[in-house]
Amino acid sequence: MNSEDMETFFALSVIKDVMQKYIILTDTSNGDVRITTAKENLPELVKFMKEDSRLNFDMLSDLFGVDYPKRDERIEVIYNLYSTKNNFRIFVKCRSKIDEPDYPSLTSIYESANWFEREVYDLFGLKFKGHPHLKRILNPEDWDGHPLLKDYPLRKRPAVEELNFDAPGFLEEKEFGNK
């Protein structure tokens, strides 16, 4: 075990000592540490991880959703937390059933959660309570469904009624040097 792994395991031991009642499961593999918690406990756990001077998880590097259709709690949201001071990361996971799409927003703790939560909302349909401006970020507002759910039809496309060729970003073929 190298010193980086030891520091990460130290962080895990601090979290377990103080926040044990919020932890459902911990596991490690390939140097990664994962903590599973109930989504109701997520803000308090993450706030502790950010504010505790021994940990200082000052950066939410990413958050993403996963759909495991054969599980009872098929939706999983994974938060990638990083300590720039200590140079270690921990993944915090929450699970829910498909019909329980409400998660607490972490935008009051990490500003970077804003766009990450909007992306997961758009692609998985999860709603982040307390988010300041939760709306679609990749798909049009009138898009039907959430394309990263495993039961989303693969060939489903909205009917193209009208293309706006004057929209910003549209390039004519001649602009590419083609004739």
N, C-alpha and C. Protein backbone atom coordinates (compact mmCIF):
# COMPACT_ATOMS: atom_id res chain seq x y z
N MET A 1 0.86 -1.18 0.00
CA MET A 1 0.00 0.00 0.00
C MET A 1 0.90 1.23 0.00
N ASN A 2 0.65 2.14 -0.95
CA ASN A 2 1.47 3.35 -1.01
C ASN A 2 0.91 4.44 -0.10
N SER A 3 1.65 5.54 0.03
CA SER A 3 1.25 6.59 0.97
C SER A 3 -0.05 7.27 0.55
N GLU A 4 -0.30 7.36 -0.75
CA GLU A 4 -1.55 7.97 -1.23
C GLU A 4 -2.75 7.15 -0.78
N ASP A 5 -2.64 5.83 -0.90
CA ASP A 5 -3.72 4.95 -0.44
C ASP A 5 -3.91 5.08 1.07
N MET A 6 -2.82 5.18 1.81
CA MET A 6 -2.91 5.32 3.27
C MET A 6 -3.64 6.60 3.64
N GLU A 7 -3.38 7.69 2.91
CA GLU A 7 -4.07 8.96 3.19
C GLU A 7 -5.56 8.84 2.91
N THR A 8 -5.90 8.17 1.83
CA THR A 8 -7.31 7.99 1.49
C THR A 8 -8.00 7.13 2.55
N PHE A 9 -7.33 6.09 3.01
CA PHE A 9 -7.91 5.25 4.06
C PHE A 9 -8.00 6.00 5.38
N PHE A 10 -7.07 6.92 5.63
CA PHE A 10 -7.17 7.79 6.80
C PHE A 10 -8.44 8.63 6.70
N ALA A 11 -8.68 9.19 5.52
CA ALA A 11 -9.89 10.00 5.32
C ALA A 11 -11.13 9.16 5.58
N LEU A 12 -11.14 7.95 5.08
CA LEU A 12 -12.28 7.06 5.31
C LEU A 12 -12.47 6.78 6.79
N SER A 13 -11.38 6.58 7.52
CA SER A 13 -11.51 6.31 8.96
C SER A 13 -12.05 7.53 9.70
N VAL A 14 -11.66 8.74 9.30
CA VAL A 14 -12.20 9.96 9.92
C VAL A 14 -13.70 10.05 9.66
N ILE A 15 -14.09 9.80 8.43
CA ILE A 15 -15.51 9.87 8.06
C ILE A 15 -16.32 8.82 8.84
N LYS A 16 -15.79 7.61 8.93
CA LYS A 16 -16.48 6.55 9.67
C LYS A 16 -16.60 6.89 11.15
N ASP A 17 -15.56 7.46 11.73
CA ASP A 17 -15.59 7.79 13.16
C ASP A 17 -16.67 8.81 13.48
N VAL A 18 -16.81 9.82 12.62
CA VAL A 18 -17.72 10.92 12.92
C VAL A 18 -19.11 10.73 12.33
N MET A 19 -19.20 10.13 11.15
CA MET A 19 -20.47 10.08 10.41
C MET A 19 -20.99 8.66 10.21
N GLN A 20 -20.61 7.74 11.06
CA GLN A 20 -20.97 6.33 10.90
C GLN A 20 -22.48 6.12 10.68
N LYS A 21 -23.30 6.89 11.37
CA LYS A 21 -24.75 6.67 11.27
C LYS A 21 -25.29 7.01 9.87
N TYR A 22 -24.51 7.74 9.06
CA TYR A 22 -24.95 8.09 7.71
C TYR A 22 -24.42 7.14 6.64
N ILE A 23 -23.59 6.19 7.04
CA ILE A 23 -22.95 5.31 6.08
C ILE A 23 -23.67 3.96 6.03
N ILE A 24 -24.08 3.58 4.83
CA ILE A 24 -24.71 2.28 4.62
C ILE A 24 -23.65 1.23 4.31
N LEU A 25 -22.68 1.61 3.49
CA LEU A 25 -21.68 0.66 3.02
C LEU A 25 -20.43 1.42 2.60
N THR A 26 -19.26 0.81 2.82
CA THR A 26 -18.02 1.33 2.24
C THR A 26 -17.35 0.18 1.51
N ASP A 27 -16.69 0.51 0.42
CA ASP A 27 -15.90 -0.50 -0.25
C ASP A 27 -14.72 0.17 -0.95
N THR A 28 -13.69 -0.62 -1.17
CA THR A 28 -12.49 -0.14 -1.83
C THR A 28 -12.04 -1.16 -2.85
N SER A 29 -11.55 -0.65 -3.95
CA SER A 29 -10.91 -1.51 -4.95
C SER A 29 -10.08 -0.63 -5.87
N ASN A 30 -8.94 -1.14 -6.27
CA ASN A 30 -8.04 -0.42 -7.17
C ASN A 30 -7.70 0.98 -6.66
N GLY A 31 -7.61 1.13 -5.36
CA GLY A 31 -7.26 2.42 -4.78
C GLY A 31 -8.41 3.40 -4.66
N ASP A 32 -9.60 3.04 -5.16
CA ASP A 32 -10.77 3.91 -5.05
C ASP A 32 -11.55 3.56 -3.79
N VAL A 33 -12.04 4.61 -3.12
CA VAL A 33 -12.86 4.42 -1.93
C VAL A 33 -14.26 4.90 -2.25
N ARG A 34 -15.25 4.08 -1.92
CA ARG A 34 -16.65 4.43 -2.18
C ARG A 34 -17.44 4.31 -0.89
N ILE A 35 -18.27 5.33 -0.67
CA ILE A 35 -19.16 5.35 0.49
C ILE A 35 -20.58 5.41 -0.06
N THR A 36 -21.44 4.51 0.41
CA THR A 36 -22.85 4.55 0.04
C THR A 36 -23.63 5.10 1.22
N THR A 37 -24.50 6.07 0.93
CA THR A 37 -25.33 6.69 1.94
C THR A 37 -26.75 6.85 1.41
N ALA A 38 -27.69 7.07 2.30
CA ALA A 38 -29.06 7.37 1.88
C ALA A 38 -29.08 8.80 1.34
N LYS A 39 -29.89 9.03 0.32
CA LYS A 39 -29.89 10.36 -0.28
C LYS A 39 -30.33 11.44 0.70
N GLU A 40 -31.13 11.09 1.70
CA GLU A 40 -31.55 12.07 2.70
C GLU A 40 -30.37 12.56 3.54
N ASN A 41 -29.35 11.72 3.69
CA ASN A 41 -28.18 12.05 4.51
C ASN A 41 -27.05 12.67 3.71
N LEU A 42 -27.20 12.72 2.42
CA LEU A 42 -26.13 13.19 1.54
C LEU A 42 -25.62 14.60 1.88
N PRO A 43 -26.49 15.60 2.00
CA PRO A 43 -25.96 16.96 2.25
C PRO A 43 -25.13 17.06 3.54
N GLU A 44 -25.60 16.43 4.60
CA GLU A 44 -24.87 16.52 5.87
C GLU A 44 -23.52 15.80 5.79
N LEU A 45 -23.51 14.64 5.16
CA LEU A 45 -22.26 13.89 5.01
C LEU A 45 -21.26 14.66 4.16
N VAL A 46 -21.70 15.17 3.03
CA VAL A 46 -20.81 15.89 2.11
C VAL A 46 -20.33 17.20 2.73
N LYS A 47 -21.21 17.87 3.44
CA LYS A 47 -20.80 19.13 4.09
C LYS A 47 -19.71 18.86 5.13
N PHE A 48 -19.86 17.78 5.88
CA PHE A 48 -18.82 17.41 6.84
C PHE A 48 -17.50 17.15 6.11
N MET A 49 -17.57 16.39 5.01
CA MET A 49 -16.35 16.06 4.27
C MET A 49 -15.67 17.31 3.71
N LYS A 50 -16.44 18.31 3.37
CA LYS A 50 -15.86 19.54 2.85
C LYS A 50 -15.27 20.40 3.97
N GLU A 51 -15.97 20.50 5.08
CA GLU A 51 -15.59 21.46 6.13
C GLU A 51 -14.61 20.92 7.16
N ASP A 52 -14.50 19.62 7.32
CA ASP A 52 -13.56 19.07 8.31
C ASP A 52 -12.13 19.36 7.85
N SER A 53 -11.33 19.99 8.70
CA SER A 53 -9.98 20.41 8.32
C SER A 53 -9.04 19.24 8.03
N ARG A 54 -9.35 18.06 8.55
CA ARG A 54 -8.51 16.89 8.27
C ARG A 54 -8.79 16.34 6.88
N LEU A 55 -9.95 16.63 6.35
CA LEU A 55 -10.37 16.07 5.06
C LEU A 55 -10.28 17.11 3.95
N ASN A 56 -11.04 18.19 4.11
CA ASN A 56 -11.05 19.30 3.15
C ASN A 56 -11.36 18.86 1.72
N PHE A 57 -12.47 18.15 1.55
CA PHE A 57 -12.91 17.80 0.20
C PHE A 57 -13.55 19.04 -0.42
N ASP A 58 -12.69 19.88 -0.97
CA ASP A 58 -13.09 21.19 -1.44
C ASP A 58 -13.56 21.22 -2.89
N MET A 59 -13.59 20.08 -3.55
CA MET A 59 -13.94 20.06 -4.97
C MET A 59 -14.88 18.90 -5.31
N LEU A 60 -16.00 19.24 -5.91
CA LEU A 60 -16.87 18.23 -6.50
C LEU A 60 -16.42 18.12 -7.96
N SER A 61 -15.63 17.09 -8.26
CA SER A 61 -15.07 16.93 -9.60
C SER A 61 -16.12 16.54 -10.62
N ASP A 62 -17.08 15.75 -10.18
CA ASP A 62 -18.08 15.25 -11.11
C ASP A 62 -19.21 14.62 -10.32
N LEU A 63 -20.34 14.53 -10.93
CA LEU A 63 -21.42 13.70 -10.40
C LEU A 63 -22.14 13.13 -11.60
N PHE A 64 -22.53 11.88 -11.49
CA PHE A 64 -23.15 11.25 -12.64
C PHE A 64 -24.14 10.19 -12.18
N GLY A 65 -25.03 9.85 -13.09
CA GLY A 65 -26.03 8.84 -12.81
C GLY A 65 -25.73 7.55 -13.53
N VAL A 66 -26.25 6.46 -12.98
CA VAL A 66 -26.13 5.14 -13.59
C VAL A 66 -27.48 4.45 -13.41
N ASP A 67 -27.89 3.72 -14.43
CA ASP A 67 -29.15 2.97 -14.37
C ASP A 67 -28.82 1.48 -14.43
N TYR A 68 -29.16 0.77 -13.36
CA TYR A 68 -29.00 -0.68 -13.31
C TYR A 68 -30.40 -1.29 -13.32
N PRO A 69 -30.97 -1.58 -14.48
CA PRO A 69 -32.38 -1.97 -14.57
C PRO A 69 -32.76 -3.26 -13.85
N LYS A 70 -31.81 -4.13 -13.55
CA LYS A 70 -32.15 -5.39 -12.88
C LYS A 70 -32.14 -5.26 -11.36
N ARG A 71 -31.74 -4.11 -10.84
CA ARG A 71 -31.74 -3.90 -9.39
C ARG A 71 -33.07 -3.30 -8.95
N ASP A 72 -33.46 -3.57 -7.71
CA ASP A 72 -34.65 -2.95 -7.14
C ASP A 72 -34.43 -1.43 -7.05
N GLU A 73 -33.30 -1.03 -6.49
CA GLU A 73 -32.92 0.38 -6.46
C GLU A 73 -32.00 0.60 -7.67
N ARG A 74 -32.64 0.82 -8.81
CA ARG A 74 -31.89 0.78 -10.08
C ARG A 74 -31.13 2.05 -10.41
N ILE A 75 -31.48 3.15 -9.79
CA ILE A 75 -30.80 4.42 -10.08
C ILE A 75 -29.72 4.66 -9.03
N GLU A 76 -28.54 5.03 -9.50
CA GLU A 76 -27.43 5.34 -8.61
C GLU A 76 -26.83 6.67 -9.05
N VAL A 77 -26.64 7.57 -8.09
CA VAL A 77 -25.96 8.83 -8.35
C VAL A 77 -24.63 8.77 -7.61
N ILE A 78 -23.57 9.08 -8.33
CA ILE A 78 -22.21 8.98 -7.78
C ILE A 78 -21.58 10.36 -7.78
N TYR A 79 -21.08 10.77 -6.63
CA TYR A 79 -20.44 12.07 -6.44
C TYR A 79 -18.94 11.84 -6.29
N ASN A 80 -18.15 12.47 -7.14
CA ASN A 80 -16.70 12.34 -7.14
C ASN A 80 -16.12 13.54 -6.39
N LEU A 81 -15.74 13.33 -5.14
CA LEU A 81 -15.23 14.41 -4.28
C LEU A 81 -13.71 14.32 -4.20
N TYR A 82 -13.07 15.49 -4.28
CA TYR A 82 -11.61 15.54 -4.29
C TYR A 82 -11.11 16.58 -3.30
N SER A 83 -10.03 16.23 -2.61
CA SER A 83 -9.37 17.17 -1.71
C SER A 83 -8.10 17.67 -2.38
N THR A 84 -8.08 18.93 -2.79
CA THR A 84 -6.88 19.48 -3.42
C THR A 84 -5.75 19.65 -2.40
N LYS A 85 -6.09 19.87 -1.16
CA LYS A 85 -5.09 20.03 -0.10
C LYS A 85 -4.38 18.70 0.17
N ASN A 86 -5.13 17.62 0.23
CA ASN A 86 -4.59 16.32 0.62
C ASN A 86 -4.33 15.37 -0.56
N ASN A 87 -4.80 15.77 -1.74
CA ASN A 87 -4.61 14.97 -2.95
C ASN A 87 -5.21 13.56 -2.82
N PHE A 88 -6.47 13.50 -2.39
CA PHE A 88 -7.17 12.23 -2.45
C PHE A 88 -8.64 12.45 -2.80
N ARG A 89 -9.25 11.38 -3.27
CA ARG A 89 -10.66 11.45 -3.70
C ARG A 89 -11.45 10.30 -3.09
N ILE A 90 -12.72 10.57 -2.92
CA ILE A 90 -13.66 9.55 -2.45
C ILE A 90 -14.94 9.70 -3.27
N PHE A 91 -15.53 8.58 -3.62
CA PHE A 91 -16.81 8.58 -4.33
C PHE A 91 -17.91 8.31 -3.32
N VAL A 92 -18.94 9.15 -3.36
CA VAL A 92 -20.11 8.97 -2.49
C VAL A 92 -21.28 8.59 -3.38
N LYS A 93 -21.95 7.48 -3.04
CA LYS A 93 -23.03 6.96 -3.87
C LYS A 93 -24.35 6.97 -3.11
N CYS A 94 -25.41 7.23 -3.86
CA CYS A 94 -26.79 7.13 -3.34
C CYS A 94 -27.59 6.33 -4.34
N ARG A 95 -28.52 5.53 -3.83
CA ARG A 95 -29.36 4.71 -4.70
C ARG A 95 -30.83 5.01 -4.46
N SER A 96 -31.62 4.77 -5.51
CA SER A 96 -33.06 4.94 -5.35
C SER A 96 -33.80 4.10 -6.38
N LYS A 97 -35.07 3.90 -6.12
CA LYS A 97 -35.94 3.22 -7.08
C LYS A 97 -36.26 4.21 -8.20
N ILE A 98 -36.68 3.68 -9.31
CA ILE A 98 -36.97 4.52 -10.48
C ILE A 98 -38.11 5.50 -10.20
N ASP A 99 -39.05 5.12 -9.32
CA ASP A 99 -40.18 6.00 -9.03
C ASP A 99 -39.91 6.93 -7.84
N GLU A 100 -38.65 7.03 -7.42
CA GLU A 100 -38.24 7.94 -6.34
C GLU A 100 -37.15 8.87 -6.86
N PRO A 101 -37.50 9.78 -7.78
CA PRO A 101 -36.47 10.55 -8.49
C PRO A 101 -35.93 11.78 -7.75
N ASP A 102 -36.40 12.04 -6.53
CA ASP A 102 -35.99 13.26 -5.84
C ASP A 102 -34.71 13.06 -5.03
N TYR A 103 -33.74 13.91 -5.30
CA TYR A 103 -32.46 13.92 -4.58
C TYR A 103 -32.23 15.33 -4.04
N PRO A 104 -31.51 15.47 -2.95
CA PRO A 104 -31.19 16.82 -2.48
C PRO A 104 -30.11 17.44 -3.37
N SER A 105 -30.24 18.73 -3.62
CA SER A 105 -29.24 19.43 -4.41
C SER A 105 -28.02 19.75 -3.54
N LEU A 106 -26.85 19.70 -4.14
CA LEU A 106 -25.62 20.07 -3.43
C LEU A 106 -25.10 21.43 -3.88
N THR A 107 -25.93 22.20 -4.59
CA THR A 107 -25.48 23.50 -5.10
C THR A 107 -25.14 24.48 -3.99
N SER A 108 -25.73 24.32 -2.82
CA SER A 108 -25.41 25.22 -1.70
C SER A 108 -24.06 24.87 -1.07
N ILE A 109 -23.55 23.68 -1.36
CA ILE A 109 -22.26 23.24 -0.82
C ILE A 109 -21.17 23.38 -1.87
N TYR A 110 -21.47 22.97 -3.10
CA TYR A 110 -20.53 23.06 -4.22
C TYR A 110 -21.22 23.75 -5.39
N GLU A 111 -20.68 24.87 -5.84
CA GLU A 111 -21.25 25.55 -7.00
C GLU A 111 -21.18 24.68 -8.25
N SER A 112 -20.16 23.84 -8.34
CA SER A 112 -20.00 22.99 -9.52
C SER A 112 -21.14 21.98 -9.67
N ALA A 113 -21.89 21.75 -8.62
CA ALA A 113 -23.02 20.82 -8.70
C ALA A 113 -24.11 21.33 -9.64
N ASN A 114 -24.15 22.63 -9.87
CA ASN A 114 -25.20 23.23 -10.67
C ASN A 114 -25.36 22.54 -12.02
N TRP A 115 -24.35 22.55 -12.84
CA TRP A 115 -24.46 21.99 -14.18
C TRP A 115 -24.47 20.47 -14.15
N PHE A 116 -23.74 19.87 -13.22
CA PHE A 116 -23.75 18.41 -13.12
C PHE A 116 -25.16 17.91 -12.82
N GLU A 117 -25.85 18.55 -11.87
CA GLU A 117 -27.21 18.14 -11.52
C GLU A 117 -28.17 18.37 -12.68
N ARG A 118 -27.98 19.44 -13.43
CA ARG A 118 -28.83 19.69 -14.59
C ARG A 118 -28.65 18.60 -15.65
N GLU A 119 -27.41 18.16 -15.83
CA GLU A 119 -27.15 17.09 -16.80
C GLU A 119 -27.83 15.78 -16.38
N VAL A 120 -27.71 15.43 -15.11
CA VAL A 120 -28.34 14.19 -14.62
C VAL A 120 -29.87 14.31 -14.68
N TYR A 121 -30.39 15.50 -14.38
CA TYR A 121 -31.84 15.73 -14.51
C TYR A 121 -32.27 15.50 -15.96
N ASP A 122 -31.55 16.07 -16.89
CA ASP A 122 -31.90 15.99 -18.30
C ASP A 122 -31.83 14.55 -18.82
N LEU A 123 -30.77 13.83 -18.47
CA LEU A 123 -30.54 12.52 -19.07
C LEU A 123 -31.15 11.35 -18.30
N PHE A 124 -31.45 11.56 -17.00
CA PHE A 124 -32.02 10.48 -16.18
C PHE A 124 -33.38 10.83 -15.57
N GLY A 125 -33.75 12.09 -15.56
CA GLY A 125 -35.03 12.49 -15.00
C GLY A 125 -35.03 12.66 -13.49
N LEU A 126 -33.86 12.70 -12.87
CA LEU A 126 -33.79 12.89 -11.41
C LEU A 126 -33.96 14.36 -11.09
N LYS A 127 -34.72 14.62 -10.05
CA LYS A 127 -34.99 16.01 -9.65
C LYS A 127 -34.19 16.33 -8.40
N PHE A 128 -33.47 17.44 -8.44
CA PHE A 128 -32.62 17.84 -7.32
C PHE A 128 -33.31 18.98 -6.57
N LYS A 129 -33.88 18.62 -5.40
CA LYS A 129 -34.61 19.58 -4.57
C LYS A 129 -33.67 20.68 -4.08
N GLY A 130 -34.09 21.93 -4.28
CA GLY A 130 -33.29 23.06 -3.85
C GLY A 130 -32.35 23.59 -4.92
N HIS A 131 -32.38 22.99 -6.09
CA HIS A 131 -31.53 23.47 -7.19
C HIS A 131 -32.05 24.83 -7.65
N PRO A 132 -31.17 25.81 -7.88
CA PRO A 132 -31.63 27.15 -8.21
C PRO A 132 -32.24 27.31 -9.60
N HIS A 133 -31.93 26.43 -10.54
CA HIS A 133 -32.43 26.61 -11.91
C HIS A 133 -32.42 25.26 -12.63
N LEU A 134 -33.20 24.32 -12.14
CA LEU A 134 -33.20 22.97 -12.70
C LEU A 134 -33.99 22.93 -14.00
N LYS A 135 -33.28 22.81 -15.09
CA LYS A 135 -33.92 22.65 -16.40
C LYS A 135 -32.97 21.88 -17.29
N ARG A 136 -33.50 21.43 -18.41
CA ARG A 136 -32.68 20.64 -19.34
C ARG A 136 -31.46 21.44 -19.78
N ILE A 137 -30.37 20.70 -20.02
CA ILE A 137 -29.12 21.36 -20.40
C ILE A 137 -28.61 20.86 -21.75
N LEU A 138 -28.95 19.64 -22.13
CA LEU A 138 -28.47 19.06 -23.39
C LEU A 138 -29.60 18.88 -24.41
N ASN A 139 -30.75 18.45 -23.96
CA ASN A 139 -31.89 18.22 -24.85
C ASN A 139 -32.80 19.43 -24.85
N PRO A 140 -33.59 19.60 -25.92
CA PRO A 140 -34.57 20.69 -25.95
C PRO A 140 -35.58 20.54 -24.81
N GLU A 141 -36.15 21.64 -24.37
CA GLU A 141 -37.11 21.62 -23.26
C GLU A 141 -38.29 20.70 -23.52
N ASP A 142 -38.70 20.57 -24.78
CA ASP A 142 -39.87 19.75 -25.09
C ASP A 142 -39.51 18.28 -25.40
N TRP A 143 -38.28 17.88 -25.14
CA TRP A 143 -37.85 16.50 -25.38
C TRP A 143 -38.63 15.56 -24.49
N ASP A 144 -39.08 14.47 -25.05
CA ASP A 144 -39.88 13.50 -24.31
C ASP A 144 -38.98 12.38 -23.80
N GLY A 145 -38.86 12.25 -22.50
CA GLY A 145 -38.09 11.17 -21.92
C GLY A 145 -36.69 11.57 -21.50
N HIS A 146 -35.95 10.57 -21.04
CA HIS A 146 -34.60 10.78 -20.51
C HIS A 146 -33.70 9.72 -21.12
N PRO A 147 -32.85 10.10 -22.09
CA PRO A 147 -32.16 9.14 -22.95
C PRO A 147 -31.15 8.19 -22.30
N LEU A 148 -30.68 8.43 -21.09
CA LEU A 148 -29.72 7.50 -20.51
C LEU A 148 -30.36 6.44 -19.61
N LEU A 149 -31.67 6.46 -19.49
CA LEU A 149 -32.35 5.36 -18.81
C LEU A 149 -32.32 4.15 -19.74
N LYS A 150 -32.06 2.99 -19.21
CA LYS A 150 -31.88 1.80 -20.04
C LYS A 150 -33.15 1.40 -20.79
N ASP A 151 -34.33 1.81 -20.29
CA ASP A 151 -35.56 1.46 -20.99
C ASP A 151 -36.00 2.53 -21.99
N TYR A 152 -35.15 3.51 -22.24
CA TYR A 152 -35.44 4.53 -23.25
C TYR A 152 -35.30 3.91 -24.64
N PRO A 153 -36.28 4.08 -25.52
CA PRO A 153 -36.20 3.46 -26.86
C PRO A 153 -34.98 3.95 -27.63
N LEU A 154 -34.21 3.03 -28.19
CA LEU A 154 -32.98 3.40 -28.88
C LEU A 154 -33.21 4.24 -30.13
N ARG A 155 -34.25 3.99 -30.83
CA ARG A 155 -34.49 4.69 -32.10
C ARG A 155 -35.47 5.85 -31.97
N LYS A 156 -35.76 6.26 -30.77
CA LYS A 156 -36.73 7.33 -30.57
C LYS A 156 -36.12 8.67 -30.93
N ARG A 157 -36.69 9.35 -31.86
CA ARG A 157 -36.24 10.67 -32.27
C ARG A 157 -37.47 11.55 -32.47
N PRO A 158 -37.38 12.80 -32.09
CA PRO A 158 -38.52 13.69 -32.33
C PRO A 158 -38.63 13.99 -33.83
N ALA A 159 -39.84 14.25 -34.28
CA ALA A 159 -40.05 14.62 -35.67
C ALA A 159 -39.42 15.99 -35.92
N VAL A 160 -38.70 16.09 -37.00
CA VAL A 160 -38.09 17.37 -37.36
C VAL A 160 -39.10 18.15 -38.17
N GLU A 161 -39.62 19.19 -37.59
CA GLU A 161 -40.64 19.99 -38.26
C GLU A 161 -40.01 21.09 -39.10
N GLU A 162 -39.01 21.71 -38.52
CA GLU A 162 -38.39 22.82 -39.22
C GLU A 162 -36.96 22.98 -38.71
N LEU A 163 -36.04 23.11 -39.62
CA LEU A 163 -34.66 23.36 -39.24
C LEU A 163 -34.38 24.85 -39.39
N ASN A 164 -33.76 25.43 -38.39
CA ASN A 164 -33.41 26.84 -38.44
C ASN A 164 -31.96 26.96 -38.87
N PHE A 165 -31.78 27.21 -40.15
CA PHE A 165 -30.42 27.29 -40.68
C PHE A 165 -29.74 28.62 -40.34
N ASP A 166 -30.47 29.53 -39.74
CA ASP A 166 -29.88 30.80 -39.33
C ASP A 166 -29.42 30.76 -37.88
N ALA A 167 -29.56 29.61 -37.26
CA ALA A 167 -29.19 29.48 -35.84
C ALA A 167 -27.69 29.64 -35.68
N PRO A 168 -27.25 30.22 -34.57
CA PRO A 168 -25.81 30.34 -34.33
C PRO A 168 -25.16 28.96 -34.33
N GLY A 169 -24.02 28.86 -34.96
CA GLY A 169 -23.31 27.60 -34.99
C GLY A 169 -23.52 26.81 -36.27
N PHE A 170 -24.52 27.18 -37.08
CA PHE A 170 -24.74 26.45 -38.33
C PHE A 170 -23.72 26.93 -39.35
N LEU A 171 -23.02 26.01 -39.98
CA LEU A 171 -22.01 26.36 -40.98
C LEU A 171 -22.41 25.80 -42.33
N GLU A 172 -22.36 26.64 -43.33
CA GLU A 172 -22.61 26.18 -44.70
C GLU A 172 -21.46 25.30 -45.14
N GLU A 173 -21.71 24.42 -46.10
CA GLU A 173 -20.66 23.55 -46.61
C GLU A 173 -19.50 24.35 -47.17
N LYS A 174 -19.78 25.48 -47.82
CA LYS A 174 -18.72 26.27 -48.43
C LYS A 174 -17.75 26.82 -47.39
N GLU A 175 -18.20 26.95 -46.13
CA GLU A 175 -17.32 27.44 -45.08
C GLU A 175 -16.27 26.41 -44.71
N PHE A 176 -16.50 25.15 -45.08
CA PHE A 176 -15.53 24.10 -44.82
C PHE A 176 -14.56 23.92 -45.99
N GLY A 177 -14.74 24.67 -47.05
CA GLY A 177 -13.89 24.54 -48.22
C GLY A 177 -14.43 23.55 -49.22
N ASN A 178 -15.65 23.02 -48.96
CA ASN A 178 -16.27 22.09 -49.91
C ASN A 178 -17.08 22.88 -50.92
N LYS A 179 -17.24 22.33 -52.10
CA LYS A 179 -18.04 23.01 -53.12
C LYS A 179 -19.33 22.30 -53.35
